[in-house]
Amino acid sequence: MTDPFVKPEDDTAADAIAEIGEELALFDDWMQRYQYIIELGRKLPPFPTEWQDDAHRVPGCQSQVWMEVQPHDGLLYLAGASDAAIVSGLVALLLRVYSGRSRDEILNTDPQFLRDLGLVQALSTNRGNGVEAMAQAIRKAAAAMPA
């Protein structure tokens, strides 16, 4: 089976947020940014079908979203998927920022960046609430890790 957990591309969560901001700024409008986000979702590692159950479901999302967390060597690795293309892309963005980071780095990376990048405002209210629910689920998993 292919490893479903996202490995960090950027050195820190802050670097990931800065890179995402630069990548989004390359596009002239939100339709182009949506296409870019959808493409990110298509590049997520395959999420095991046996994890697409209620135990892995993220509450508060309009679409179905599933996540799995795995602590390893003091870092939290994340896998995720959604049944909606744009939401899969949002999952990919969050995993790029948070996966493979320490408990403290996750807890110190406020999901306010989603608003700062204009993502929450550009989405429907339900999708905006959903992406914030995903970020909170990640932070809750990090808080449950031993310090």
N, C-alpha and C. Protein backbone atom coordinates (compact mmCIF):
# COMPACT_ATOMS: atom_id res chain seq x y z
N MET A 1 0.84 -1.18 0.00
CA MET A 1 0.00 0.00 0.00
C MET A 1 0.88 1.25 0.00
N THR A 2 0.49 2.23 -0.77
CA THR A 2 1.18 3.51 -0.79
C THR A 2 0.98 4.20 0.55
N ASP A 3 2.02 4.85 1.05
CA ASP A 3 1.94 5.57 2.32
C ASP A 3 0.94 6.73 2.16
N PRO A 4 -0.15 6.72 2.93
CA PRO A 4 -1.17 7.77 2.77
C PRO A 4 -0.83 9.07 3.51
N PHE A 5 0.24 9.06 4.31
CA PHE A 5 0.55 10.23 5.13
C PHE A 5 1.39 11.24 4.35
N VAL A 6 1.03 12.51 4.51
CA VAL A 6 1.70 13.60 3.80
C VAL A 6 3.00 13.94 4.51
N LYS A 7 4.08 13.99 3.75
CA LYS A 7 5.39 14.39 4.26
C LYS A 7 5.57 15.89 3.99
N PRO A 8 6.20 16.61 4.90
CA PRO A 8 6.35 18.06 4.69
C PRO A 8 7.22 18.40 3.49
N GLU A 9 6.75 19.35 2.70
CA GLU A 9 7.53 19.87 1.56
C GLU A 9 8.37 21.07 1.99
N ASP A 10 7.87 21.77 3.00
CA ASP A 10 8.50 23.01 3.46
C ASP A 10 9.09 22.78 4.85
N ASP A 11 10.12 23.55 5.19
CA ASP A 11 10.82 23.35 6.46
C ASP A 11 9.95 23.56 7.69
N THR A 12 9.06 24.54 7.61
CA THR A 12 8.20 24.86 8.75
C THR A 12 6.77 25.11 8.27
N ALA A 13 5.85 25.12 9.21
CA ALA A 13 4.47 25.46 8.88
C ALA A 13 4.39 26.89 8.34
N ALA A 14 5.15 27.80 8.93
CA ALA A 14 5.16 29.19 8.46
C ALA A 14 5.66 29.27 7.02
N ASP A 15 6.69 28.49 6.70
CA ASP A 15 7.19 28.46 5.32
C ASP A 15 6.12 27.93 4.37
N ALA A 16 5.40 26.90 4.80
CA ALA A 16 4.33 26.33 3.97
C ALA A 16 3.25 27.37 3.70
N ILE A 17 2.86 28.11 4.74
CA ILE A 17 1.83 29.14 4.58
C ILE A 17 2.31 30.22 3.62
N ALA A 18 3.57 30.65 3.76
CA ALA A 18 4.13 31.67 2.86
C ALA A 18 4.15 31.17 1.42
N GLU A 19 4.55 29.92 1.22
CA GLU A 19 4.58 29.35 -0.14
C GLU A 19 3.19 29.27 -0.74
N ILE A 20 2.23 28.83 0.05
CA ILE A 20 0.85 28.75 -0.44
C ILE A 20 0.35 30.13 -0.84
N GLY A 21 0.66 31.14 -0.02
CA GLY A 21 0.28 32.51 -0.34
C GLY A 21 0.88 32.98 -1.65
N GLU A 22 2.16 32.67 -1.87
CA GLU A 22 2.82 33.05 -3.11
C GLU A 22 2.21 32.31 -4.31
N GLU A 23 1.91 31.04 -4.12
CA GLU A 23 1.32 30.26 -5.21
C GLU A 23 -0.07 30.79 -5.57
N LEU A 24 -0.88 31.09 -4.56
CA LEU A 24 -2.22 31.64 -4.83
C LEU A 24 -2.14 33.01 -5.51
N ALA A 25 -1.12 33.79 -5.16
CA ALA A 25 -0.97 35.13 -5.73
C ALA A 25 -0.63 35.09 -7.22
N LEU A 26 -0.18 33.95 -7.72
CA LEU A 26 0.13 33.82 -9.15
C LEU A 26 -1.11 33.90 -10.03
N PHE A 27 -2.28 33.67 -9.43
CA PHE A 27 -3.51 33.62 -10.20
C PHE A 27 -4.27 34.93 -10.09
N ASP A 28 -4.94 35.30 -11.19
CA ASP A 28 -5.63 36.58 -11.26
C ASP A 28 -6.97 36.61 -10.54
N ASP A 29 -7.64 35.46 -10.46
CA ASP A 29 -8.97 35.46 -9.85
C ASP A 29 -9.20 34.15 -9.10
N TRP A 30 -10.33 34.13 -8.38
CA TRP A 30 -10.60 32.96 -7.54
C TRP A 30 -10.96 31.73 -8.34
N MET A 31 -11.48 31.87 -9.55
CA MET A 31 -11.77 30.67 -10.36
C MET A 31 -10.47 29.93 -10.65
N GLN A 32 -9.42 30.68 -10.98
CA GLN A 32 -8.11 30.05 -11.23
C GLN A 32 -7.54 29.46 -9.94
N ARG A 33 -7.72 30.16 -8.84
CA ARG A 33 -7.24 29.64 -7.55
C ARG A 33 -7.98 28.36 -7.17
N TYR A 34 -9.30 28.31 -7.43
CA TYR A 34 -10.06 27.08 -7.16
C TYR A 34 -9.50 25.92 -7.96
N GLN A 35 -9.19 26.16 -9.23
CA GLN A 35 -8.63 25.09 -10.08
C GLN A 35 -7.30 24.60 -9.50
N TYR A 36 -6.48 25.54 -9.05
CA TYR A 36 -5.21 25.19 -8.44
C TYR A 36 -5.43 24.33 -7.18
N ILE A 37 -6.39 24.74 -6.34
CA ILE A 37 -6.68 24.01 -5.11
C ILE A 37 -7.20 22.61 -5.44
N ILE A 38 -8.06 22.51 -6.45
CA ILE A 38 -8.57 21.19 -6.87
C ILE A 38 -7.41 20.30 -7.32
N GLU A 39 -6.46 20.87 -8.05
CA GLU A 39 -5.28 20.09 -8.49
C GLU A 39 -4.47 19.59 -7.30
N LEU A 40 -4.34 20.42 -6.26
CA LEU A 40 -3.63 19.98 -5.05
C LEU A 40 -4.32 18.75 -4.46
N GLY A 41 -5.64 18.77 -4.44
CA GLY A 41 -6.39 17.65 -3.90
C GLY A 41 -6.17 16.38 -4.70
N ARG A 42 -6.03 16.51 -6.00
CA ARG A 42 -5.80 15.34 -6.85
C ARG A 42 -4.43 14.71 -6.60
N LYS A 43 -3.53 15.47 -6.02
CA LYS A 43 -2.17 14.98 -5.77
C LYS A 43 -2.00 14.37 -4.38
N LEU A 44 -3.08 14.38 -3.58
CA LEU A 44 -2.99 13.75 -2.26
C LEU A 44 -2.67 12.27 -2.41
N PRO A 45 -1.90 11.72 -1.47
CA PRO A 45 -1.68 10.27 -1.50
C PRO A 45 -3.02 9.55 -1.36
N PRO A 46 -3.17 8.38 -1.96
CA PRO A 46 -4.43 7.64 -1.84
C PRO A 46 -4.77 7.37 -0.37
N PHE A 47 -6.01 7.61 -0.04
CA PHE A 47 -6.51 7.42 1.33
C PHE A 47 -7.21 6.06 1.38
N PRO A 48 -6.79 5.18 2.27
CA PRO A 48 -7.37 3.83 2.32
C PRO A 48 -8.90 3.84 2.49
N THR A 49 -9.57 3.05 1.70
CA THR A 49 -11.03 3.01 1.77
C THR A 49 -11.52 2.53 3.13
N GLU A 50 -10.72 1.68 3.80
CA GLU A 50 -11.16 1.20 5.11
C GLU A 50 -11.17 2.32 6.16
N TRP A 51 -10.52 3.45 5.88
CA TRP A 51 -10.54 4.60 6.79
C TRP A 51 -11.69 5.55 6.47
N GLN A 52 -12.41 5.31 5.39
CA GLN A 52 -13.53 6.18 5.02
C GLN A 52 -14.77 5.73 5.78
N ASP A 53 -14.70 5.95 7.10
CA ASP A 53 -15.77 5.53 7.99
C ASP A 53 -16.04 6.63 9.02
N ASP A 54 -17.03 6.40 9.85
CA ASP A 54 -17.41 7.42 10.84
C ASP A 54 -16.31 7.71 11.85
N ALA A 55 -15.48 6.72 12.15
CA ALA A 55 -14.40 6.92 13.11
C ALA A 55 -13.37 7.93 12.60
N HIS A 56 -13.23 8.06 11.29
CA HIS A 56 -12.25 8.98 10.69
C HIS A 56 -12.90 10.26 10.15
N ARG A 57 -14.20 10.34 10.22
CA ARG A 57 -14.91 11.48 9.65
C ARG A 57 -14.69 12.73 10.50
N VAL A 58 -14.47 13.85 9.84
CA VAL A 58 -14.30 15.13 10.52
C VAL A 58 -15.68 15.78 10.64
N PRO A 59 -16.17 15.99 11.87
CA PRO A 59 -17.48 16.63 12.03
C PRO A 59 -17.42 18.10 11.65
N GLY A 60 -18.54 18.63 11.21
CA GLY A 60 -18.62 20.05 10.90
C GLY A 60 -18.36 20.39 9.45
N CYS A 61 -18.16 19.38 8.62
CA CYS A 61 -17.89 19.61 7.20
C CYS A 61 -19.14 19.26 6.39
N GLN A 62 -19.48 20.11 5.44
CA GLN A 62 -20.63 19.86 4.57
C GLN A 62 -20.38 18.61 3.73
N SER A 63 -19.22 18.50 3.14
CA SER A 63 -18.83 17.31 2.38
C SER A 63 -18.30 16.28 3.37
N GLN A 64 -18.13 15.08 2.89
CA GLN A 64 -17.51 14.07 3.75
C GLN A 64 -16.00 14.28 3.72
N VAL A 65 -15.41 14.36 4.89
CA VAL A 65 -13.97 14.51 5.03
C VAL A 65 -13.50 13.48 6.05
N TRP A 66 -12.44 12.78 5.70
CA TRP A 66 -11.86 11.80 6.61
C TRP A 66 -10.40 12.13 6.84
N MET A 67 -9.94 11.94 8.07
CA MET A 67 -8.54 12.16 8.40
C MET A 67 -8.06 11.05 9.31
N GLU A 68 -6.77 10.77 9.18
CA GLU A 68 -6.09 9.82 10.08
C GLU A 68 -4.83 10.53 10.56
N VAL A 69 -4.53 10.37 11.83
CA VAL A 69 -3.32 10.96 12.40
C VAL A 69 -2.43 9.84 12.93
N GLN A 70 -1.13 10.06 12.79
CA GLN A 70 -0.17 9.06 13.26
C GLN A 70 1.04 9.77 13.84
N PRO A 71 1.23 9.68 15.16
CA PRO A 71 2.44 10.25 15.74
C PRO A 71 3.64 9.36 15.40
N HIS A 72 4.76 9.98 15.10
CA HIS A 72 5.98 9.23 14.81
C HIS A 72 7.18 10.11 15.14
N ASP A 73 8.02 9.64 16.06
CA ASP A 73 9.23 10.37 16.47
C ASP A 73 8.94 11.82 16.86
N GLY A 74 7.87 12.02 17.62
CA GLY A 74 7.55 13.36 18.11
C GLY A 74 6.86 14.26 17.10
N LEU A 75 6.58 13.73 15.92
CA LEU A 75 5.89 14.51 14.89
C LEU A 75 4.53 13.88 14.61
N LEU A 76 3.60 14.69 14.14
CA LEU A 76 2.26 14.20 13.83
C LEU A 76 2.10 14.18 12.31
N TYR A 77 1.86 12.99 11.78
CA TYR A 77 1.65 12.85 10.33
C TYR A 77 0.16 12.68 10.08
N LEU A 78 -0.30 13.28 9.00
CA LEU A 78 -1.72 13.31 8.69
C LEU A 78 -1.98 12.75 7.30
N ALA A 79 -3.10 12.06 7.19
CA ALA A 79 -3.63 11.61 5.90
C ALA A 79 -5.06 12.11 5.83
N GLY A 80 -5.54 12.42 4.64
CA GLY A 80 -6.89 12.92 4.54
C GLY A 80 -7.47 12.77 3.15
N ALA A 81 -8.78 12.87 3.08
CA ALA A 81 -9.49 12.77 1.81
C ALA A 81 -10.89 13.38 1.98
N SER A 82 -11.51 13.68 0.85
CA SER A 82 -12.88 14.16 0.83
C SER A 82 -13.58 13.61 -0.41
N ASP A 83 -14.90 13.61 -0.36
CA ASP A 83 -15.67 13.19 -1.52
C ASP A 83 -15.94 14.35 -2.49
N ALA A 84 -15.46 15.56 -2.16
CA ALA A 84 -15.65 16.73 -3.02
C ALA A 84 -14.28 17.26 -3.49
N ALA A 85 -14.18 17.59 -4.75
CA ALA A 85 -12.88 17.99 -5.34
C ALA A 85 -12.28 19.21 -4.65
N ILE A 86 -13.06 20.27 -4.47
CA ILE A 86 -12.50 21.48 -3.86
C ILE A 86 -12.11 21.21 -2.41
N VAL A 87 -12.88 20.41 -1.72
CA VAL A 87 -12.58 20.11 -0.32
C VAL A 87 -11.32 19.25 -0.22
N SER A 88 -11.13 18.33 -1.16
CA SER A 88 -9.87 17.56 -1.19
C SER A 88 -8.68 18.50 -1.30
N GLY A 89 -8.83 19.55 -2.10
CA GLY A 89 -7.76 20.53 -2.22
C GLY A 89 -7.51 21.28 -0.93
N LEU A 90 -8.57 21.60 -0.22
CA LEU A 90 -8.43 22.27 1.08
C LEU A 90 -7.77 21.34 2.09
N VAL A 91 -8.12 20.05 2.04
CA VAL A 91 -7.44 19.06 2.87
C VAL A 91 -5.95 19.07 2.56
N ALA A 92 -5.61 19.08 1.27
CA ALA A 92 -4.20 19.07 0.86
C ALA A 92 -3.46 20.30 1.39
N LEU A 93 -4.11 21.46 1.34
CA LEU A 93 -3.49 22.68 1.89
C LEU A 93 -3.21 22.54 3.38
N LEU A 94 -4.21 22.06 4.12
CA LEU A 94 -4.03 21.91 5.57
C LEU A 94 -2.94 20.89 5.89
N LEU A 95 -2.92 19.79 5.16
CA LEU A 95 -1.91 18.77 5.42
C LEU A 95 -0.52 19.27 5.06
N ARG A 96 -0.43 20.11 4.04
CA ARG A 96 0.87 20.70 3.69
C ARG A 96 1.40 21.56 4.84
N VAL A 97 0.50 22.26 5.50
CA VAL A 97 0.90 23.14 6.61
C VAL A 97 1.20 22.33 7.87
N TYR A 98 0.33 21.37 8.20
CA TYR A 98 0.38 20.73 9.52
C TYR A 98 1.05 19.35 9.58
N SER A 99 1.04 18.58 8.50
CA SER A 99 1.55 17.21 8.60
C SER A 99 3.07 17.18 8.71
N GLY A 100 3.55 16.28 9.57
CA GLY A 100 4.99 16.14 9.77
C GLY A 100 5.58 17.19 10.68
N ARG A 101 4.73 17.82 11.48
CA ARG A 101 5.17 18.89 12.40
C ARG A 101 5.06 18.40 13.85
N SER A 102 5.75 19.09 14.70
CA SER A 102 5.70 18.77 16.13
C SER A 102 4.39 19.27 16.72
N ARG A 103 4.07 18.73 17.87
CA ARG A 103 2.87 19.14 18.61
C ARG A 103 2.87 20.66 18.79
N ASP A 104 3.99 21.20 19.28
CA ASP A 104 4.06 22.63 19.56
C ASP A 104 3.92 23.47 18.30
N GLU A 105 4.55 23.03 17.20
CA GLU A 105 4.44 23.81 15.97
C GLU A 105 3.00 23.83 15.47
N ILE A 106 2.32 22.71 15.56
CA ILE A 106 0.92 22.66 15.14
C ILE A 106 0.08 23.59 16.02
N LEU A 107 0.26 23.48 17.33
CA LEU A 107 -0.54 24.29 18.24
C LEU A 107 -0.22 25.78 18.13
N ASN A 108 1.00 26.11 17.72
CA ASN A 108 1.39 27.52 17.55
C ASN A 108 1.09 28.08 16.17
N THR A 109 0.55 27.24 15.29
CA THR A 109 0.20 27.69 13.93
C THR A 109 -1.32 27.87 13.89
N ASP A 110 -1.73 29.09 14.15
CA ASP A 110 -3.15 29.42 14.22
C ASP A 110 -3.78 29.28 12.83
N PRO A 111 -4.96 28.67 12.75
CA PRO A 111 -5.62 28.55 11.45
C PRO A 111 -6.11 29.88 10.88
N GLN A 112 -5.80 30.97 11.57
CA GLN A 112 -6.11 32.31 11.06
C GLN A 112 -5.51 32.50 9.66
N PHE A 113 -4.46 31.75 9.34
CA PHE A 113 -3.84 31.89 8.01
C PHE A 113 -4.86 31.60 6.90
N LEU A 114 -5.87 30.78 7.20
CA LEU A 114 -6.91 30.49 6.20
C LEU A 114 -7.68 31.75 5.84
N ARG A 115 -7.89 32.61 6.83
CA ARG A 115 -8.55 33.89 6.58
C ARG A 115 -7.57 34.89 5.96
N ASP A 116 -6.34 34.89 6.47
CA ASP A 116 -5.33 35.82 5.95
C ASP A 116 -5.09 35.61 4.45
N LEU A 117 -5.16 34.35 4.00
CA LEU A 117 -4.98 34.05 2.58
C LEU A 117 -6.24 34.29 1.76
N GLY A 118 -7.35 34.63 2.44
CA GLY A 118 -8.60 34.89 1.74
C GLY A 118 -9.40 33.64 1.43
N LEU A 119 -8.94 32.49 1.91
CA LEU A 119 -9.60 31.23 1.57
C LEU A 119 -11.00 31.13 2.18
N VAL A 120 -11.13 31.43 3.45
CA VAL A 120 -12.42 31.27 4.11
C VAL A 120 -13.45 32.20 3.47
N GLN A 121 -13.04 33.43 3.18
CA GLN A 121 -13.96 34.40 2.62
C GLN A 121 -14.37 34.03 1.19
N ALA A 122 -13.51 33.34 0.45
CA ALA A 122 -13.79 33.00 -0.94
C ALA A 122 -14.66 31.75 -1.07
N LEU A 123 -14.87 31.06 0.02
CA LEU A 123 -15.67 29.83 0.00
C LEU A 123 -17.09 30.12 0.47
N SER A 124 -17.98 29.19 0.19
CA SER A 124 -19.32 29.30 0.77
C SER A 124 -19.18 29.25 2.29
N THR A 125 -20.18 29.73 2.99
CA THR A 125 -20.14 29.72 4.45
C THR A 125 -19.91 28.31 4.98
N ASN A 126 -20.64 27.33 4.43
CA ASN A 126 -20.50 25.95 4.89
C ASN A 126 -19.10 25.41 4.65
N ARG A 127 -18.52 25.70 3.48
CA ARG A 127 -17.16 25.21 3.19
C ARG A 127 -16.14 25.93 4.06
N GLY A 128 -16.34 27.22 4.27
CA GLY A 128 -15.44 27.97 5.16
C GLY A 128 -15.46 27.41 6.58
N ASN A 129 -16.67 27.12 7.07
CA ASN A 129 -16.78 26.51 8.40
C ASN A 129 -16.14 25.13 8.40
N GLY A 130 -16.28 24.40 7.32
CA GLY A 130 -15.72 23.05 7.22
C GLY A 130 -14.21 23.05 7.27
N VAL A 131 -13.58 23.96 6.53
CA VAL A 131 -12.11 24.00 6.52
C VAL A 131 -11.59 24.41 7.90
N GLU A 132 -12.32 25.29 8.57
CA GLU A 132 -11.92 25.65 9.93
C GLU A 132 -12.12 24.47 10.88
N ALA A 133 -13.17 23.67 10.66
CA ALA A 133 -13.39 22.47 11.48
C ALA A 133 -12.26 21.46 11.27
N MET A 134 -11.78 21.34 10.03
CA MET A 134 -10.65 20.44 9.76
C MET A 134 -9.40 20.90 10.51
N ALA A 135 -9.13 22.21 10.47
CA ALA A 135 -7.95 22.75 11.16
C ALA A 135 -8.07 22.51 12.66
N GLN A 136 -9.27 22.68 13.20
CA GLN A 136 -9.46 22.45 14.64
C GLN A 136 -9.28 20.98 14.99
N ALA A 137 -9.73 20.08 14.11
CA ALA A 137 -9.55 18.64 14.37
C ALA A 137 -8.06 18.29 14.41
N ILE A 138 -7.28 18.91 13.54
CA ILE A 138 -5.83 18.67 13.52
C ILE A 138 -5.20 19.18 14.81
N ARG A 139 -5.59 20.37 15.21
CA ARG A 139 -5.03 20.95 16.43
C ARG A 139 -5.45 20.15 17.67
N LYS A 140 -6.67 19.62 17.66
CA LYS A 140 -7.14 18.78 18.76
C LYS A 140 -6.31 17.51 18.85
N ALA A 141 -5.99 16.91 17.70
CA ALA A 141 -5.15 15.71 17.69
C ALA A 141 -3.76 16.03 18.21
N ALA A 142 -3.22 17.20 17.84
CA ALA A 142 -1.91 17.60 18.32
C ALA A 142 -1.92 17.82 19.83
N ALA A 143 -2.99 18.45 20.32
CA ALA A 143 -3.09 18.72 21.76
C ALA A 143 -3.15 17.42 22.56
N ALA A 144 -3.65 16.35 21.95
CA ALA A 144 -3.75 15.07 22.64
C ALA A 144 -2.41 14.32 22.67
N MET A 145 -1.44 14.79 21.88
CA MET A 145 -0.11 14.16 21.89
C MET A 145 0.60 14.49 23.19
N PRO A 146 1.45 13.59 23.67
CA PRO A 146 2.25 13.94 24.85
C PRO A 146 3.18 15.11 24.56
N ALA A 147 3.31 16.00 25.51
CA ALA A 147 4.15 17.19 25.32
C ALA A 147 5.61 16.84 25.32
